[in-house]
Amino acid sequence: MKISALPTLILSSFVFKNVQAEIDGNTKCDNGPSIHGKFHENDPVGSLADGGYEVLIDGQTVPLDGTTVLAPGQYTFKVKQNVGTYMGMYIWADNEEALSVADDPLVHGGTSWSAGGKDVECDGSSALTHTDMTDKSESSGTLTVPSSGSFVLEFKMMTDFVGGSTWYYSLLNFDVEEATTTPAPSITSSSAPTDSLTLSPSGSPSSATTPIPSHSPSAGPTPSPSRSPSSTPTQHPSA
């Protein structure tokens, strides 16, 4: 019996067409514990901690549970696989200025990107995703912390794509550190007054107000009581 290769080619073409949509990244700017696209309909197999991942912000490891407090500003963040590699990733923030690309050539995104032959737009959020499905051990981007409030980051890391996808999911919570109302001392405002106040107690005022009592008493006349009795007339015996 002759076996035709046509069904195999049709199936391969079907799989490639559907996988192609995720080869260069997520095709929607969405969120939640699921991954958009065919062959991604299974649930995550665990958290980032279960998969051997860690998240670093400016080189410091961030707890994967609880809430992390950050001061407003711009940071470099990285997601790292410590026990192997991964193929795809998708990171989403509920703030449109939070996530942007850095210098990682295998990451694109922000508030818009192209994937699966179409343009992807975010609405009130931002996200980063992979540019290809080569094996990776880490991905990096820029995190911009707003001036106040709180925000979340969702991480979806895919390690396998055989008979479905094997991926890990975690939601990280962040609070923005409140600005202090006490002004920080500056060089300009503290230089002259500080020098004056610091030097006054131990400088010129102490030397000017120090009494010199030892010279005053010794400068006055010294009484000579012994000469007074000797100057009285001496009585002479009578004749």
C-alpha atoms as a PDB file:
ATOM      1  CA  MET A   1       0.000   0.000   0.000  1.00  0.00           C
ATOM      2  CA  LYS A   2       1.326   3.360  -0.973  1.00  0.00           C
ATOM      3  CA  ILE A   3       1.307   5.971   1.792  1.00  0.00           C
ATOM      4  CA  SER A   4       0.931   9.524   0.675  1.00  0.00           C
ATOM      5  CA  ALA A   5       2.909  12.262   2.384  1.00  0.00           C
ATOM      6  CA  LEU A   6       0.236  14.851   1.592  1.00  0.00           C
ATOM      7  CA  PRO A   7      -1.681  14.591   4.902  1.00  0.00           C
ATOM      8  CA  THR A   8       1.590  15.023   6.781  1.00  0.00           C
ATOM      9  CA  LEU A   9       2.439  18.101   4.752  1.00  0.00           C
ATOM     10  CA  ILE A  10      -1.024  19.567   5.343  1.00  0.00           C
ATOM     11  CA  LEU A  11      -0.744  18.960   9.085  1.00  0.00           C
ATOM     12  CA  SER A  12       2.749  20.441   9.188  1.00  0.00           C
ATOM     13  CA  SER A  13       1.544  23.490   7.298  1.00  0.00           C
ATOM     14  CA  PHE A  14      -1.369  23.888   9.714  1.00  0.00           C
ATOM     15  CA  VAL A  15       0.891  23.658  12.765  1.00  0.00           C
ATOM     16  CA  PHE A  16       3.467  26.061  11.313  1.00  0.00           C
ATOM     17  CA  LYS A  17       0.781  28.600  10.423  1.00  0.00           C
ATOM     18  CA  ASN A  18      -0.598  28.617  13.950  1.00  0.00           C
ATOM     19  CA  VAL A  19       2.773  28.545  15.667  1.00  0.00           C
ATOM     20  CA  GLN A  20       3.998  31.369  13.429  1.00  0.00           C
ATOM     21  CA  ALA A  21       1.664  33.756  15.248  1.00  0.00           C
ATOM     22  CA  GLU A  22       3.691  33.334  18.458  1.00  0.00           C
ATOM     23  CA  ILE A  23       7.208  32.937  17.054  1.00  0.00           C
ATOM     24  CA  ASP A  24       7.833  36.677  17.220  1.00  0.00           C
ATOM     25  CA  GLY A  25       5.851  37.418  20.360  1.00  0.00           C
ATOM     26  CA  ASN A  26       2.423  37.680  21.908  1.00  0.00           C
ATOM     27  CA  THR A  27      -0.205  38.837  19.429  1.00  0.00           C
ATOM     28  CA  LYS A  28      -2.372  40.619  21.991  1.00  0.00           C
ATOM     29  CA  CYS A  29      -1.689  43.067  24.789  1.00  0.00           C
ATOM     30  CA  ASP A  30      -3.770  41.134  27.308  1.00  0.00           C
ATOM     31  CA  ASN A  31      -3.440  39.952  30.878  1.00  0.00           C
ATOM     32  CA  GLY A  32      -4.574  37.168  33.166  1.00  0.00           C
ATOM     33  CA  PRO A  33      -3.371  33.634  33.958  1.00  0.00           C
ATOM     34  CA  SER A  34      -3.581  32.421  30.367  1.00  0.00           C
ATOM     35  CA  ILE A  35      -1.618  32.820  27.133  1.00  0.00           C
ATOM     36  CA  HIS A  36      -3.306  34.027  23.977  1.00  0.00           C
ATOM     37  CA  GLY A  37      -3.050  31.825  20.905  1.00  0.00           C
ATOM     38  CA  LYS A  38      -3.536  28.242  19.753  1.00  0.00           C
ATOM     39  CA  PHE A  39      -1.594  25.513  21.560  1.00  0.00           C
ATOM     40  CA  HIS A  40      -1.540  27.760  24.676  1.00  0.00           C
ATOM     41  CA  GLU A  41      -4.926  26.853  26.081  1.00  0.00           C
ATOM     42  CA  ASN A  42      -3.528  24.714  28.883  1.00  0.00           C
ATOM     43  CA  ASP A  43      -3.081  26.137  32.381  1.00  0.00           C
ATOM     44  CA  PRO A  44       0.319  27.133  33.754  1.00  0.00           C
ATOM     45  CA  VAL A  45       2.228  24.307  35.396  1.00  0.00           C
ATOM     46  CA  GLY A  46       3.354  26.477  38.303  1.00  0.00           C
ATOM     47  CA  SER A  47       4.742  29.798  39.488  1.00  0.00           C
ATOM     48  CA  LEU A  48       8.025  31.419  38.486  1.00  0.00           C
ATOM     49  CA  ALA A  49       9.568  30.007  41.657  1.00  0.00           C
ATOM     50  CA  ASP A  50       8.430  26.511  40.651  1.00  0.00           C
ATOM     51  CA  GLY A  51      10.124  26.916  37.271  1.00  0.00           C
ATOM     52  CA  GLY A  52      13.456  28.142  38.663  1.00  0.00           C
ATOM     53  CA  TYR A  53      13.016  31.800  37.666  1.00  0.00           C
ATOM     54  CA  GLU A  54      13.998  34.948  39.505  1.00  0.00           C
ATOM     55  CA  VAL A  55      13.254  38.629  38.870  1.00  0.00           C
ATOM     56  CA  LEU A  56      15.928  41.251  39.451  1.00  0.00           C
ATOM     57  CA  ILE A  57      15.567  45.034  39.584  1.00  0.00           C
ATOM     58  CA  ASP A  58      18.836  46.943  39.284  1.00  0.00           C
ATOM     59  CA  GLY A  59      20.624  43.704  40.124  1.00  0.00           C
ATOM     60  CA  GLN A  60      18.652  42.973  43.309  1.00  0.00           C
ATOM     61  CA  THR A  61      16.392  39.926  43.542  1.00  0.00           C
ATOM     62  CA  VAL A  62      12.722  40.781  44.021  1.00  0.00           C
ATOM     63  CA  PRO A  63      10.458  38.560  46.178  1.00  0.00           C
ATOM     64  CA  LEU A  64       8.012  36.620  44.026  1.00  0.00           C
ATOM     65  CA  ASP A  65       5.271  36.929  46.639  1.00  0.00           C
ATOM     66  CA  GLY A  66       4.121  39.801  48.813  1.00  0.00           C
ATOM     67  CA  THR A  67       4.560  43.454  47.824  1.00  0.00           C
ATOM     68  CA  THR A  68       7.779  45.237  46.863  1.00  0.00           C
ATOM     69  CA  VAL A  69       8.150  48.985  47.537  1.00  0.00           C
ATOM     70  CA  LEU A  70      10.059  51.053  44.973  1.00  0.00           C
ATOM     71  CA  ALA A  71      10.876  54.742  44.793  1.00  0.00           C
ATOM     72  CA  PRO A  72       9.733  56.616  41.676  1.00  0.00           C
ATOM     73  CA  GLY A  73      12.219  56.478  38.818  1.00  0.00           C
ATOM     74  CA  GLN A  74      13.647  54.275  36.112  1.00  0.00           C
ATOM     75  CA  TYR A  75      15.165  50.845  36.726  1.00  0.00           C
ATOM     76  CA  THR A  76      16.681  47.995  34.726  1.00  0.00           C
ATOM     77  CA  PHE A  77      14.845  44.759  35.359  1.00  0.00           C
ATOM     78  CA  LYS A  78      15.660  41.216  34.350  1.00  0.00           C
ATOM     79  CA  VAL A  79      13.901  37.846  34.468  1.00  0.00           C
ATOM     80  CA  LYS A  80      16.377  34.982  34.710  1.00  0.00           C
ATOM     81  CA  GLN A  81      16.135  31.203  34.371  1.00  0.00           C
ATOM     82  CA  ASN A  82      18.513  29.490  36.795  1.00  0.00           C
ATOM     83  CA  VAL A  83      17.949  25.821  35.988  1.00  0.00           C
ATOM     84  CA  GLY A  84      17.640  25.746  32.207  1.00  0.00           C
ATOM     85  CA  THR A  85      16.301  27.807  29.305  1.00  0.00           C
ATOM     86  CA  TYR A  86      12.970  29.060  27.985  1.00  0.00           C
ATOM     87  CA  MET A  87      11.591  29.772  24.522  1.00  0.00           C
ATOM     88  CA  GLY A  88       9.048  32.549  24.917  1.00  0.00           C
ATOM     89  CA  MET A  89       8.031  35.157  27.446  1.00  0.00           C
ATOM     90  CA  TYR A  90       5.370  37.778  28.012  1.00  0.00           C
ATOM     91  CA  ILE A  91       5.472  40.437  30.734  1.00  0.00           C
ATOM     92  CA  TRP A  92       2.507  42.783  31.255  1.00  0.00           C
ATOM     93  CA  ALA A  93       2.040  45.894  33.449  1.00  0.00           C
ATOM     94  CA  ASP A  94      -1.178  47.727  34.323  1.00  0.00           C
ATOM     95  CA  ASN A  95       0.576  51.046  33.648  1.00  0.00           C
ATOM     96  CA  GLU A  96       1.280  52.287  30.132  1.00  0.00           C
ATOM     97  CA  GLU A  97       4.629  53.848  31.095  1.00  0.00           C
ATOM     98  CA  ALA A  98       5.929  50.987  33.238  1.00  0.00           C
ATOM     99  CA  LEU A  99       7.517  48.698  30.632  1.00  0.00           C
ATOM    100  CA  SER A 100       9.746  49.623  27.709  1.00  0.00           C
ATOM    101  CA  VAL A 101      12.564  47.984  25.778  1.00  0.00           C
ATOM    102  CA  ALA A 102      16.173  48.342  26.821  1.00  0.00           C
ATOM    103  CA  ASP A 103      19.161  46.897  24.944  1.00  0.00           C
ATOM    104  CA  ASP A 104      18.018  43.266  24.726  1.00  0.00           C
ATOM    105  CA  PRO A 105      17.734  42.388  21.000  1.00  0.00           C
ATOM    106  CA  LEU A 106      15.437  39.438  21.768  1.00  0.00           C
ATOM    107  CA  VAL A 107      12.782  41.614  23.460  1.00  0.00           C
ATOM    108  CA  HIS A 108      10.331  44.065  21.936  1.00  0.00           C
ATOM    109  CA  GLY A 109       7.207  45.801  23.134  1.00  0.00           C
ATOM    110  CA  GLY A 110       6.223  48.786  25.244  1.00  0.00           C
ATOM    111  CA  THR A 111       2.815  50.107  24.264  1.00  0.00           C
ATOM    112  CA  SER A 112       2.979  48.669  20.718  1.00  0.00           C
ATOM    113  CA  TRP A 113       4.835  46.061  18.668  1.00  0.00           C
ATOM    114  CA  SER A 114       4.385  43.768  15.670  1.00  0.00           C
ATOM    115  CA  ALA A 115       3.854  40.029  16.053  1.00  0.00           C
ATOM    116  CA  GLY A 116       2.239  37.364  13.933  1.00  0.00           C
ATOM    117  CA  GLY A 117       2.045  39.697  10.959  1.00  0.00           C
ATOM    118  CA  LYS A 118      -0.079  42.329  12.719  1.00  0.00           C
ATOM    119  CA  ASP A 119       0.339  45.401  14.870  1.00  0.00           C
ATOM    120  CA  VAL A 120      -0.362  45.042  18.588  1.00  0.00           C
ATOM    121  CA  GLU A 121      -1.534  48.016  20.647  1.00  0.00           C
ATOM    122  CA  CYS A 122      -1.905  48.366  24.427  1.00  0.00           C
ATOM    123  CA  ASP A 123      -4.633  50.461  26.031  1.00  0.00           C
ATOM    124  CA  GLY A 124      -3.639  51.878  29.413  1.00  0.00           C
ATOM    125  CA  SER A 125      -1.010  49.180  29.884  1.00  0.00           C
ATOM    126  CA  SER A 126       2.385  48.099  28.557  1.00  0.00           C
ATOM    127  CA  ALA A 127       4.075  44.775  27.860  1.00  0.00           C
ATOM    128  CA  LEU A 128       7.242  43.082  26.635  1.00  0.00           C
ATOM    129  CA  THR A 129       7.534  39.855  24.667  1.00  0.00           C
ATOM    130  CA  HIS A 130      10.082  37.747  22.767  1.00  0.00           C
ATOM    131  CA  THR A 131      11.217  38.407  19.196  1.00  0.00           C
ATOM    132  CA  ASP A 132      11.940  34.743  18.405  1.00  0.00           C
ATOM    133  CA  MET A 133      11.745  31.315  20.019  1.00  0.00           C
ATOM    134  CA  THR A 134      15.421  30.540  20.423  1.00  0.00           C
ATOM    135  CA  ASP A 135      16.522  29.216  23.808  1.00  0.00           C
ATOM    136  CA  LYS A 136      17.116  31.977  26.338  1.00  0.00           C
ATOM    137  CA  SER A 137      18.397  32.130  29.896  1.00  0.00           C
ATOM    138  CA  GLU A 138      17.404  35.743  30.650  1.00  0.00           C
ATOM    139  CA  SER A 139      15.505  38.720  29.257  1.00  0.00           C
ATOM    140  CA  SER A 140      15.758  42.368  30.258  1.00  0.00           C
ATOM    141  CA  GLY A 141      13.884  45.634  29.868  1.00  0.00           C
ATOM    142  CA  THR A 142      13.296  49.036  31.457  1.00  0.00           C
ATOM    143  CA  LEU A 143      10.887  49.549  34.356  1.00  0.00           C
ATOM    144  CA  THR A 144       9.588  53.068  35.009  1.00  0.00           C
ATOM    145  CA  VAL A 145       7.993  53.469  38.437  1.00  0.00           C
ATOM    146  CA  PRO A 146       5.277  56.163  38.574  1.00  0.00           C
ATOM    147  CA  SER A 147       5.304  59.023  41.069  1.00  0.00           C
ATOM    148  CA  SER A 148       2.643  57.476  43.294  1.00  0.00           C
ATOM    149  CA  GLY A 149       0.176  54.632  43.686  1.00  0.00           C
ATOM    150  CA  SER A 150       0.781  50.955  42.944  1.00  0.00           C
ATOM    151  CA  PHE A 151       1.127  48.643  39.945  1.00  0.00           C
ATOM    152  CA  VAL A 152       1.458  44.975  39.024  1.00  0.00           C
ATOM    153  CA  LEU A 153       3.695  42.965  36.712  1.00  0.00           C
ATOM    154  CA  GLU A 154       2.541  39.666  35.208  1.00  0.00           C
ATOM    155  CA  PHE A 155       5.143  37.156  34.040  1.00  0.00           C
ATOM    156  CA  LYS A 156       4.447  34.267  31.644  1.00  0.00           C
ATOM    157  CA  MET A 157       7.494  32.171  30.792  1.00  0.00           C
ATOM    158  CA  MET A 158       7.224  29.331  28.271  1.00  0.00           C
ATOM    159  CA  THR A 159       9.782  26.530  28.409  1.00  0.00           C
ATOM    160  CA  ASP A 160       8.361  23.908  26.059  1.00  0.00           C
ATOM    161  CA  PHE A 161       6.158  23.702  22.965  1.00  0.00           C
ATOM    162  CA  VAL A 162       5.461  20.042  22.375  1.00  0.00           C
ATOM    163  CA  GLY A 163       1.857  18.798  22.532  1.00  0.00           C
ATOM    164  CA  GLY A 164       0.791  22.143  23.989  1.00  0.00           C
ATOM    165  CA  SER A 165       2.949  24.551  25.940  1.00  0.00           C
ATOM    166  CA  THR A 166       4.653  24.323  29.290  1.00  0.00           C
ATOM    167  CA  TRP A 167       4.702  27.713  30.949  1.00  0.00           C
ATOM    168  CA  TYR A 168       4.926  29.393  34.348  1.00  0.00           C
ATOM    169  CA  TYR A 169       2.932  32.324  35.687  1.00  0.00           C
ATOM    170  CA  SER A 170       3.373  34.825  38.527  1.00  0.00           C
ATOM    171  CA  LEU A 171       1.802  38.170  39.443  1.00  0.00           C
ATOM    172  CA  LEU A 172       4.108  40.584  41.281  1.00  0.00           C
ATOM    173  CA  ASN A 173       2.734  43.523  43.297  1.00  0.00           C
ATOM    174  CA  PHE A 174       4.519  46.844  43.736  1.00  0.00           C
ATOM    175  CA  ASP A 175       3.828  49.938  45.853  1.00  0.00           C
ATOM    176  CA  VAL A 176       5.397  53.327  45.147  1.00  0.00           C
ATOM    177  CA  GLU A 177       7.363  54.819  48.017  1.00  0.00           C
ATOM    178  CA  GLU A 178       5.790  58.057  49.251  1.00  0.00           C
ATOM    179  CA  ALA A 179       7.926  61.164  48.930  1.00  0.00           C
ATOM    180  CA  THR A 180       9.051  62.620  52.265  1.00  0.00           C
ATOM    181  CA  THR A 181       7.830  66.108  53.235  1.00  0.00           C
ATOM    182  CA  THR A 182      11.111  66.974  54.983  1.00  0.00           C
ATOM    183  CA  PRO A 183      13.461  68.692  52.517  1.00  0.00           C
ATOM    184  CA  ALA A 184      16.787  66.990  52.156  1.00  0.00           C
ATOM    185  CA  PRO A 185      19.779  69.200  53.104  1.00  0.00           C
ATOM    186  CA  SER A 186      21.701  70.579  50.181  1.00  0.00           C
ATOM    187  CA  ILE A 187      25.217  71.909  49.895  1.00  0.00           C
ATOM    188  CA  THR A 188      23.992  75.364  48.914  1.00  0.00           C
ATOM    189  CA  SER A 189      21.600  75.902  51.787  1.00  0.00           C
ATOM    190  CA  SER A 190      23.705  74.338  54.514  1.00  0.00           C
ATOM    191  CA  SER A 191      27.220  75.639  53.772  1.00  0.00           C
ATOM    192  CA  ALA A 192      27.315  79.163  55.220  1.00  0.00           C
ATOM    193  CA  PRO A 193      24.826  78.779  58.100  1.00  0.00           C
ATOM    194  CA  THR A 194      26.287  75.449  59.190  1.00  0.00           C
ATOM    195  CA  ASP A 195      29.833  76.826  59.269  1.00  0.00           C
ATOM    196  CA  SER A 196      28.688  79.817  61.292  1.00  0.00           C
ATOM    197  CA  LEU A 197      26.704  77.812  63.819  1.00  0.00           C
ATOM    198  CA  THR A 198      29.322  75.133  64.138  1.00  0.00           C
ATOM    199  CA  LEU A 199      32.227  77.467  64.649  1.00  0.00           C
ATOM    200  CA  SER A 200      30.550  79.968  66.998  1.00  0.00           C
ATOM    201  CA  PRO A 201      30.638  77.953  70.227  1.00  0.00           C
ATOM    202  CA  SER A 202      34.300  76.959  69.843  1.00  0.00           C
ATOM    203  CA  GLY A 203      35.665  79.934  67.903  1.00  0.00           C
ATOM    204  CA  SER A 204      35.754  83.659  68.372  1.00  0.00           C
ATOM    205  CA  PRO A 205      32.882  84.059  70.860  1.00  0.00           C
ATOM    206  CA  SER A 206      34.515  81.762  73.415  1.00  0.00           C
ATOM    207  CA  SER A 207      37.861  83.575  73.246  1.00  0.00           C
ATOM    208  CA  ALA A 208      36.259  87.022  73.469  1.00  0.00           C
ATOM    209  CA  THR A 209      34.090  86.221  76.480  1.00  0.00           C
ATOM    210  CA  THR A 210      36.718  84.347  78.480  1.00  0.00           C
ATOM    211  CA  PRO A 211      37.524  86.512  81.566  1.00  0.00           C
ATOM    212  CA  ILE A 212      41.082  87.130  82.627  1.00  0.00           C
ATOM    213  CA  PRO A 213      40.653  87.661  86.347  1.00  0.00           C
ATOM    214  CA  SER A 214      44.258  86.985  87.392  1.00  0.00           C
ATOM    215  CA  HIS A 215      45.632  90.362  86.180  1.00  0.00           C
ATOM    216  CA  SER A 216      43.039  92.630  87.799  1.00  0.00           C
ATOM    217  CA  PRO A 217      43.568  91.812  91.483  1.00  0.00           C
ATOM    218  CA  SER A 218      47.346  91.804  91.245  1.00  0.00           C
ATOM    219  CA  ALA A 219      47.411  95.228  89.590  1.00  0.00           C
ATOM    220  CA  GLY A 220      45.837  97.037  92.605  1.00  0.00           C
ATOM    221  CA  PRO A 221      47.919  98.559  95.531  1.00  0.00           C
ATOM    222  CA  THR A 222      48.913  96.135  98.240  1.00  0.00           C
ATOM    223  CA  PRO A 223      48.254  97.449 101.759  1.00  0.00           C
ATOM    224  CA  SER A 224      51.290  97.631 104.089  1.00  0.00           C
ATOM    225  CA  PRO A 225      49.879  97.496 107.620  1.00  0.00           C
ATOM    226  CA  SER A 226      53.286  96.779 109.234  1.00  0.00           C
ATOM    227  CA  ARG A 227      54.608 100.329 108.598  1.00  0.00           C
ATOM    228  CA  SER A 228      51.730 102.157 110.238  1.00  0.00           C
ATOM    229  CA  PRO A 229      52.545 101.162 113.854  1.00  0.00           C
ATOM    230  CA  SER A 230      56.249 101.819 113.374  1.00  0.00           C
ATOM    231  CA  SER A 231      55.583 105.411 112.306  1.00  0.00           C
ATOM    232  CA  THR A 232      53.932 106.367 115.626  1.00  0.00           C
ATOM    233  CA  PRO A 233      56.155 108.451 118.006  1.00  0.00           C
ATOM    234  CA  THR A 234      58.200 106.486 120.461  1.00  0.00           C
ATOM    235  CA  GLN A 235      57.735 107.450 124.123  1.00  0.00           C
ATOM    236  CA  HIS A 236      60.918 108.709 125.846  1.00  0.00           C
ATOM    237  CA  PRO A 237      61.538 108.190 129.502  1.00  0.00           C
ATOM    238  CA  SER A 238      61.127 111.293 131.669  1.00  0.00           C
ATOM    239  CA  ALA A 239      64.130 112.939 133.282  1.00  0.00           C
END
